[in-house]
């Protein structure tokens, strides 16, 4: 096997190796190890284009003892590679329309067919690259090893959720220091850096690897609105949060809000429902009905809803501020009840103003709820306590909105 056909340079600098805890072989040795793995996989799968997926798109940063296991048939890397390459080939077909496996296996000389495939696969380098870093000189390379499962799961997530991606760069860092799966995603949604535990399986790790790809497919800009979509199954509900609602909360608070085991998502389901009802009362479309109607394709119906909601966003917004870096997101948390009550009062007593802006400021020192509203209800400034619930606070919301409500 010629190196030019089935391997690419794997750069493993000393600095990167030290940072990852990997004993770094020389670049030439790393190339040889990759050649061995790719050759073994081509023999294992009888598929040259699939083997090229490994050599053209994946950079492995592994220790010497780990490398030595990859090409062995009694280990699990070859089997894992069959799933990884299958999904990357399928994803690339969705992206480019080129079916590499079919071209390779068409009638005629297989090697000649591969020469037709190679330029297509080389062109795909501009659209996909993945780096896999496993901490330590040795690794578990059995079929159920964590890092191999992470590796294949990421490919499945790409195939299932990013069929139209223009460019994707993925880094998987596997380290003994990690306790959970975490991810950093670039603002443009093209770069993903996953960090995952090497030895101890984290809860729901596969969901955590898939989630960034699912969120991009959903087109939702933040974790809370995306989780609200998955919680309730409606785009319009998530858009009530992303288009009409601004949360000015601390980092710890923001990180806790999307947790399914807490109450913020449950509260959001009531809040978004009531905002949808309020919007209908003041002239917006019935977003829930349009999104679910049987007429048209679902994507077309969502576009109708999004367009109307974008128009509504020009005349309605709520800003929620919670003092402190962290917040209570458990069932019955006071700030969640204050936030939800705004939507309930809006639905019951929609203001007569054509454009409405509401601010909720939750403060630790506040002792009671105070509400200041303009005469036509175009602005509301609400200050409420963060920690100690005052008596009769919900009545104050209703009274304030009722005073400026439009006629039935």
Protein backbone atom coordinates (compact mmCIF):
# COMPACT_ATOMS: atom_id res chain seq x y z
CA UNK A 1 0.00 0.00 0.00
CA UNK A 2 1.41 3.36 -0.94
CA UNK A 3 1.37 6.08 1.71
CA UNK A 4 0.10 8.67 -0.83
CA UNK A 5 -3.04 6.62 -1.39
CA UNK A 6 -4.04 5.69 2.14
CA UNK A 7 -2.41 7.99 4.70
CA UNK A 8 -1.89 11.61 5.51
CA UNK A 9 0.50 13.28 7.83
CA UNK A 10 -0.49 13.19 11.51
CA UNK A 11 1.20 16.09 13.29
CA UNK A 12 1.95 15.27 16.92
CA UNK A 13 4.09 18.01 18.39
CA UNK A 14 5.67 17.63 21.79
CA UNK A 15 3.66 20.52 23.22
CA UNK A 16 0.34 19.01 22.17
CA UNK A 17 1.35 15.64 23.46
CA UNK A 18 2.34 16.99 26.85
CA UNK A 19 -0.90 18.95 27.11
CA UNK A 20 -2.93 15.85 26.33
CA UNK A 21 -0.87 13.53 28.51
CA UNK A 22 0.15 11.47 25.49
CA UNK A 23 3.63 10.04 24.98
CA UNK A 24 4.31 11.43 21.55
CA UNK A 25 5.91 9.25 18.92
CA UNK A 26 7.83 10.96 16.17
CA UNK A 27 5.74 12.20 13.21
CA UNK A 28 7.15 9.45 10.98
CA UNK A 29 6.27 6.80 13.56
CA UNK A 30 2.78 8.22 13.88
CA UNK A 31 2.42 8.05 10.10
CA UNK A 32 3.52 4.41 10.15
CA UNK A 33 1.02 3.60 12.90
CA UNK A 34 -1.76 5.24 10.95
CA UNK A 35 -0.70 3.34 7.82
CA UNK A 36 -0.93 0.09 9.77
CA UNK A 37 -4.41 0.93 11.08
CA UNK A 38 -5.72 2.02 7.69
CA UNK A 39 -4.26 -1.04 5.95
CA UNK A 40 -5.76 -3.33 8.59
CA UNK A 41 -9.11 -1.64 8.23
CA UNK A 42 -9.08 -1.92 4.43
CA UNK A 43 -8.48 -5.62 4.82
CA UNK A 44 -11.17 -5.86 7.54
CA UNK A 45 -13.84 -3.98 5.57
CA UNK A 46 -12.75 -4.71 1.98
CA UNK A 47 -13.54 -1.08 1.27
CA UNK A 48 -10.87 1.33 0.04
CA UNK A 49 -12.96 4.51 0.19
CA UNK A 50 -14.02 3.73 3.76
CA UNK A 51 -10.36 3.28 4.70
CA UNK A 52 -9.60 6.66 3.17
CA UNK A 53 -12.12 8.21 5.57
CA UNK A 54 -9.65 7.36 8.33
CA UNK A 55 -6.55 8.58 6.53
CA UNK A 56 -7.98 11.73 4.94
CA UNK A 57 -10.21 13.19 7.64
CA UNK A 58 -9.12 11.91 11.05
CA UNK A 59 -6.05 12.90 13.04
CA UNK A 60 -5.34 10.52 15.92
CA UNK A 61 -3.16 11.73 18.78
CA UNK A 62 -2.45 8.57 20.71
CA UNK A 63 0.32 7.01 22.76
CA UNK A 64 2.51 4.22 21.36
CA UNK A 65 0.84 1.42 23.31
CA UNK A 66 -2.58 2.67 22.22
CA UNK A 67 -1.53 2.82 18.57
CA UNK A 68 -0.26 -0.77 18.77
CA UNK A 69 -3.75 -2.03 19.60
CA UNK A 70 -5.70 -0.33 16.85
CA UNK A 71 -4.84 -2.69 13.98
CA UNK A 72 -5.40 -5.87 15.99
CA UNK A 73 -8.47 -7.90 15.06
CA UNK A 74 -8.98 -9.10 18.65
CA UNK A 75 -9.48 -5.47 19.75
CA UNK A 76 -12.40 -3.18 18.95
CA UNK A 77 -10.98 -0.29 16.91
CA UNK A 78 -11.53 -1.95 13.54
CA UNK A 79 -15.14 -2.73 14.40
CA UNK A 80 -15.67 0.84 15.68
CA UNK A 81 -14.11 2.20 12.50
CA UNK A 82 -16.70 0.32 10.43
CA UNK A 83 -19.48 2.29 12.12
CA UNK A 84 -17.58 5.58 12.00
CA UNK A 85 -16.73 5.35 8.30
CA UNK A 86 -20.23 4.15 7.38
CA UNK A 87 -21.79 7.22 8.97
CA UNK A 88 -19.25 9.67 7.56
CA UNK A 89 -19.73 8.24 4.06
CA UNK A 90 -23.51 8.56 4.43
CA UNK A 91 -23.20 12.12 5.79
CA UNK A 92 -20.86 13.13 2.95
CA UNK A 93 -23.39 11.76 0.46
CA UNK A 94 -26.08 13.98 2.02
CA UNK A 95 -23.77 16.98 1.84
CA UNK A 96 -22.26 16.50 -1.63
CA UNK A 97 -24.47 14.00 -3.43
CA UNK A 98 -21.44 11.79 -4.13
CA UNK A 99 -21.86 8.11 -3.20
CA UNK A 100 -18.27 6.98 -2.75
CA UNK A 101 -19.06 3.37 -1.89
CA UNK A 102 -21.32 2.90 -4.90
CA UNK A 103 -18.73 4.34 -7.26
CA UNK A 104 -16.01 2.11 -5.82
CA UNK A 105 -18.16 -1.04 -6.13
CA UNK A 106 -19.58 -0.32 -9.58
CA UNK A 107 -18.73 -2.68 -12.41
CA UNK A 108 -15.19 -2.48 -13.69
CA UNK A 109 -11.77 -2.41 -12.06
CA UNK A 110 -12.06 -1.55 -8.36
CA UNK A 111 -8.75 0.28 -8.22
CA UNK A 112 -9.72 2.32 -11.28
CA UNK A 113 -12.99 3.15 -9.58
CA UNK A 114 -11.09 4.31 -6.52
CA UNK A 115 -9.19 6.76 -8.69
CA UNK A 116 -12.55 8.30 -9.57
CA UNK A 117 -13.49 8.53 -5.90
CA UNK A 118 -10.27 10.04 -4.57
CA UNK A 119 -10.68 13.58 -6.00
CA UNK A 120 -14.18 13.72 -4.52
CA UNK A 121 -12.90 12.66 -1.12
CA UNK A 122 -9.98 15.09 -1.30
CA UNK A 123 -12.42 17.91 -2.03
CA UNK A 124 -14.38 16.95 1.08
CA UNK A 125 -11.30 17.70 3.22
CA UNK A 126 -12.24 21.37 2.97
CA UNK A 127 -15.53 20.54 4.66
CA UNK A 128 -14.64 18.05 7.40
CA UNK A 129 -11.79 17.27 9.76
CA UNK A 130 -11.72 15.45 13.08
CA UNK A 131 -9.02 15.17 15.73
CA UNK A 132 -9.13 12.44 18.39
CA UNK A 133 -6.88 12.83 21.43
CA UNK A 134 -6.69 10.09 24.07
CA UNK A 135 -4.75 10.84 27.23
CA UNK A 136 -1.94 8.47 28.20
CA UNK A 137 0.47 6.16 26.46
CA UNK A 138 -1.96 3.24 26.57
CA UNK A 139 -5.72 3.02 26.01
CA UNK A 140 -8.64 0.66 26.19
CA UNK A 141 -9.25 -0.38 22.60
CA UNK A 142 -11.88 -3.04 23.16
CA UNK A 143 -15.22 -2.68 21.39
CA UNK A 144 -16.94 -1.23 24.45
CA UNK A 145 -14.20 1.27 25.31
CA UNK A 146 -15.51 4.74 26.02
CA UNK A 147 -13.33 6.67 23.59
CA UNK A 148 -14.25 4.42 20.65
CA UNK A 149 -17.93 4.79 21.50
CA UNK A 150 -17.56 8.59 21.68
CA UNK A 151 -15.82 8.55 18.32
CA UNK A 152 -18.55 6.59 16.56
CA UNK A 153 -21.38 8.48 18.28
CA UNK A 154 -20.09 11.80 16.98
CA UNK A 155 -20.17 10.45 13.43
CA UNK A 156 -23.75 9.29 13.96
CA UNK A 157 -24.69 12.75 15.23
CA UNK A 158 -23.17 14.38 12.16
CA UNK A 159 -25.03 12.03 9.85
CA UNK A 160 -28.38 12.41 11.59
CA UNK A 161 -28.44 16.13 12.30
CA UNK A 162 -26.07 18.07 10.03
CA UNK A 163 -26.84 16.92 6.46
CA UNK A 164 -26.43 20.41 5.01
CA UNK A 165 -23.39 21.57 6.97
CA UNK A 166 -20.89 23.48 4.85
CA UNK A 167 -17.85 23.02 7.07
CA UNK A 168 -17.29 21.08 10.29
CA UNK A 169 -14.25 20.71 12.50
CA UNK A 170 -14.51 18.32 15.47
CA UNK A 171 -12.03 17.72 18.28
CA UNK A 172 -12.56 14.92 20.79
CA UNK A 173 -10.40 15.14 23.91
CA UNK A 174 -10.58 12.03 26.12
CA UNK A 175 -8.97 12.50 29.52
CA UNK A 176 -8.99 10.87 32.94
CA UNK A 177 -9.53 14.30 34.49
CA UNK A 178 -12.94 14.82 32.91
CA UNK A 179 -15.98 13.85 34.99
CA UNK A 180 -18.63 14.58 32.38
CA UNK A 181 -19.04 15.23 28.67
CA UNK A 182 -18.73 18.91 27.83
CA UNK A 183 -18.68 20.74 24.51
CA UNK A 184 -17.62 24.12 23.20
CA UNK A 185 -19.26 25.20 19.95
CA UNK A 186 -18.08 28.15 17.87
CA UNK A 187 -20.54 30.97 17.27
CA UNK A 188 -20.89 30.03 13.61
CA UNK A 189 -21.63 26.41 14.48
CA UNK A 190 -18.75 24.94 12.50
CA UNK A 191 -16.29 24.00 15.24
CA UNK A 192 -16.97 21.52 18.06
CA UNK A 193 -14.59 20.65 20.89
CA UNK A 194 -15.78 17.74 23.04
CA UNK A 195 -14.10 16.77 26.30
CA UNK A 196 -15.09 13.42 27.75
CA UNK A 197 -14.05 11.03 30.56
CA UNK A 198 -11.57 8.33 29.65
CA UNK A 199 -12.34 5.78 32.36
CA UNK A 200 -15.68 6.41 34.08
CA UNK A 201 -18.85 6.49 31.99
CA UNK A 202 -20.80 9.72 32.36
CA UNK A 203 -24.58 9.74 32.58
CA UNK A 204 -26.38 10.29 29.25
CA UNK A 205 -23.06 10.76 27.45
CA UNK A 206 -24.44 9.89 24.01
CA UNK A 207 -27.21 12.46 24.36
CA UNK A 208 -24.64 15.07 25.34
CA UNK A 209 -22.58 14.31 22.25
CA UNK A 210 -25.63 14.52 19.99
CA UNK A 211 -27.19 17.62 21.54
CA UNK A 212 -24.99 20.30 19.88
CA UNK A 213 -25.78 18.84 16.46
CA UNK A 214 -29.49 18.60 17.24
CA UNK A 215 -29.56 22.21 18.37
CA UNK A 216 -27.98 23.44 15.15
CA UNK A 217 -30.45 21.42 13.09
CA UNK A 218 -33.29 22.98 15.10
CA UNK A 219 -31.87 26.44 14.36
CA UNK A 220 -32.23 27.63 17.94
CA UNK A 221 -29.60 30.05 19.22
CA UNK A 222 -29.35 29.06 22.88
CA UNK A 223 -29.52 25.99 25.09
CA UNK A 224 -32.63 27.00 27.03
CA UNK A 225 -34.84 27.63 23.99
CA UNK A 226 -33.53 24.43 22.39
CA UNK A 227 -34.35 22.38 25.46
CA UNK A 228 -37.77 24.02 25.59
CA UNK A 229 -38.30 22.79 22.03
CA UNK A 230 -37.28 19.25 22.97
CA UNK A 231 -39.37 19.45 26.15
CA UNK A 232 -42.57 20.51 24.41
CA UNK A 233 -42.00 19.53 20.80
CA UNK A 234 -43.02 22.90 19.34
CA UNK A 235 -40.82 25.38 17.54
CA UNK A 236 -43.14 28.29 18.29
CA UNK A 237 -42.79 27.68 22.05
CA UNK A 238 -39.01 27.79 21.78
CA UNK A 239 -39.25 30.94 19.66
CA UNK A 240 -41.31 32.69 22.36
CA UNK A 241 -38.15 32.38 24.45
CA UNK A 242 -35.56 33.15 21.78
CA UNK A 243 -37.46 35.95 20.00
CA UNK A 244 -39.43 37.68 22.77
CA UNK A 245 -37.59 36.97 26.03
CA UNK A 246 -34.19 38.15 27.26
CA UNK A 247 -32.68 36.57 30.36
CA UNK A 248 -30.09 38.63 32.21
CA UNK A 249 -28.92 36.03 34.68
CA UNK A 250 -25.58 34.75 35.93
CA UNK A 251 -23.59 32.04 34.18
CA UNK A 252 -24.38 29.43 36.79
CA UNK A 253 -28.06 30.28 36.62
CA UNK A 254 -28.10 30.13 32.83
CA UNK A 255 -26.36 26.74 32.92
CA UNK A 256 -28.98 25.32 35.32
CA UNK A 257 -32.07 26.52 33.47
CA UNK A 258 -32.03 23.87 30.67
CA UNK A 259 -31.84 20.98 33.17
CA UNK A 260 -34.84 18.67 32.62
CA UNK A 261 -34.78 17.63 36.28
CA UNK A 262 -35.31 21.20 37.44
CA UNK A 263 -38.33 23.45 37.01
CA UNK A 264 -37.35 26.21 34.57
CA UNK A 265 -38.41 24.20 31.51
CA UNK A 266 -41.69 23.24 33.16
CA UNK A 267 -42.36 26.88 33.99
CA UNK A 268 -41.45 27.88 30.44
CA UNK A 269 -44.12 25.54 29.08
CA UNK A 270 -46.81 27.52 30.93
CA UNK A 271 -45.20 30.86 30.11
CA UNK A 272 -44.99 30.19 26.37
CA UNK A 273 -48.54 28.85 26.27
CA UNK A 274 -49.89 32.03 27.88
CA UNK A 275 -47.81 34.31 25.65
CA UNK A 276 -49.24 32.47 22.64
CA UNK A 277 -52.76 33.09 23.93
CA UNK A 278 -51.98 36.75 24.61
CA UNK A 279 -50.54 37.19 21.13
CA UNK A 280 -53.71 35.85 19.53
CA UNK A 281 -55.80 38.31 21.55
CA UNK A 282 -53.82 41.27 20.20
CA UNK A 283 -53.77 40.23 16.55
CA UNK A 284 -51.09 37.61 16.02
CA UNK A 285 -51.73 34.30 14.29
CA UNK A 286 -52.48 31.07 16.12
CA UNK A 287 -48.91 29.80 16.04
CA UNK A 288 -49.64 26.41 17.55
CA UNK A 289 -52.42 25.65 15.07
CA UNK A 290 -50.36 26.74 12.04
CA UNK A 291 -47.28 24.76 13.07
CA UNK A 292 -49.36 21.59 13.51
CA UNK A 293 -51.73 21.95 10.55
CA UNK A 294 -51.86 19.06 8.10
CA UNK A 295 -51.66 21.35 5.07
CA UNK A 296 -48.22 22.02 3.55
CA UNK A 297 -44.86 20.63 4.54
CA UNK A 298 -43.84 21.09 8.22
CA UNK A 299 -40.91 23.30 7.18
CA UNK A 300 -43.24 25.61 5.25
CA UNK A 301 -45.62 25.89 8.20
CA UNK A 302 -42.72 26.70 10.52
CA UNK A 303 -41.64 29.44 8.14
CA UNK A 304 -45.13 30.94 8.29
CA UNK A 305 -45.02 30.90 12.07
CA UNK A 306 -41.51 32.32 12.24
CA UNK A 307 -42.41 35.20 9.92
CA UNK A 308 -45.42 36.17 12.00
CA UNK A 309 -43.47 35.87 15.24
CA UNK A 310 -40.70 38.06 13.86
CA UNK A 311 -43.32 40.72 13.15
CA UNK A 312 -44.75 40.34 16.62
CA UNK A 313 -41.27 40.70 18.13
CA UNK A 314 -41.23 44.29 16.85
CA UNK A 315 -43.96 45.17 19.33
CA UNK A 316 -43.45 42.85 22.28
CA UNK A 317 -40.55 41.92 24.57
CA UNK A 318 -39.90 40.78 28.13
CA UNK A 319 -36.58 41.12 29.95
CA UNK A 320 -35.93 39.06 33.08
CA UNK A 321 -33.04 39.93 35.40
CA UNK A 322 -32.11 37.84 38.45
CA UNK A 323 -29.50 39.16 40.86
CA UNK A 324 -26.51 36.92 41.52
CA UNK A 325 -24.40 34.47 39.54
CA UNK A 326 -26.58 31.49 40.50
CA UNK A 327 -30.33 31.04 40.94
CA UNK A 328 -32.96 28.68 42.27
CA UNK A 329 -34.51 26.63 39.47
CA UNK A 330 -36.28 24.11 41.66
CA UNK A 331 -40.04 23.64 41.70
CA UNK A 332 -41.64 26.69 43.31
CA UNK A 333 -38.65 28.99 42.82
CA UNK A 334 -39.94 32.50 43.42
CA UNK A 335 -38.38 34.17 40.38
CA UNK A 336 -39.86 31.50 38.11
CA UNK A 337 -43.30 32.16 39.57
CA UNK A 338 -42.92 35.91 39.09
CA UNK A 339 -41.82 35.38 35.49
CA UNK A 340 -44.70 33.02 34.71
CA UNK A 341 -47.24 35.35 36.31
CA UNK A 342 -46.38 38.07 33.78
CA UNK A 343 -47.65 35.87 30.97
CA UNK A 344 -50.74 34.85 32.91
CA UNK A 345 -51.68 38.47 33.64
CA UNK A 346 -50.99 39.48 30.04
CA UNK A 347 -53.34 36.78 28.80
CA UNK A 348 -56.05 37.80 31.28
CA UNK A 349 -55.66 41.58 30.85
CA UNK A 350 -53.89 42.44 27.56
CA UNK A 351 -52.71 46.07 27.60
CA UNK A 352 -54.28 48.52 25.19
CA UNK A 353 -50.89 49.68 23.88
CA UNK A 354 -49.88 48.36 20.44
CA UNK A 355 -46.29 47.89 21.59
CA UNK A 356 -45.44 46.42 25.00
CA UNK A 357 -42.11 46.16 26.82
CA UNK A 358 -41.87 44.51 30.23
CA UNK A 359 -38.93 44.32 32.62
CA UNK A 360 -38.79 42.01 35.62
CA UNK A 361 -35.95 42.76 38.04
CA UNK A 362 -35.53 40.15 40.80
CA UNK A 363 -33.42 41.43 43.71
CA UNK A 364 -32.21 39.91 46.93
CA UNK A 365 -32.98 43.06 48.97
CA UNK A 366 -36.52 43.54 47.65
CA UNK A 367 -39.20 42.79 50.23
CA UNK A 368 -42.30 43.05 48.07
CA UNK A 369 -43.46 43.28 44.49
CA UNK A 370 -43.66 46.76 43.02
CA UNK A 371 -45.03 47.45 39.53
CA UNK A 372 -44.81 50.69 37.59
CA UNK A 373 -46.78 50.87 34.35
CA UNK A 374 -47.33 53.57 31.74
CA UNK A 375 -50.90 54.82 31.25
CA UNK A 376 -51.47 52.77 28.11
CA UNK A 377 -49.54 49.73 29.30
CA UNK A 378 -46.73 50.10 26.81
CA UNK A 379 -44.11 49.66 29.53
CA UNK A 380 -44.06 47.75 32.80
CA UNK A 381 -41.23 47.83 35.30
CA UNK A 382 -41.58 45.08 37.89
CA UNK A 383 -39.28 44.64 40.89
CA UNK A 384 -39.68 41.51 42.98
CA UNK A 385 -37.88 39.70 45.81
CA UNK A 386 -35.56 36.85 45.02
CA UNK A 387 -35.64 34.82 48.22
CA UNK A 388 -38.63 35.59 50.47
CA UNK A 389 -42.13 35.32 49.02
CA UNK A 390 -44.46 38.19 50.02
CA UNK A 391 -48.16 37.68 50.58
CA UNK A 392 -50.63 38.55 47.86
CA UNK A 393 -48.00 39.25 45.24
CA UNK A 394 -49.93 37.70 42.31
CA UNK A 395 -52.89 40.03 42.96
CA UNK A 396 -50.57 42.98 42.39
CA UNK A 397 -49.73 41.69 38.91
CA UNK A 398 -53.37 41.31 37.98
CA UNK A 399 -54.28 44.73 39.38
CA UNK A 400 -51.49 46.48 37.47
CA UNK A 401 -52.37 44.88 34.15
CA UNK A 402 -56.10 45.31 34.68
CA UNK A 403 -55.70 49.08 35.10
CA UNK A 404 -54.27 49.45 31.59
CA UNK A 405 -56.13 46.63 29.86
CA UNK A 406 -57.91 47.07 26.55
CA UNK A 407 -61.66 46.75 26.51
CA UNK A 408 -62.97 43.22 26.09
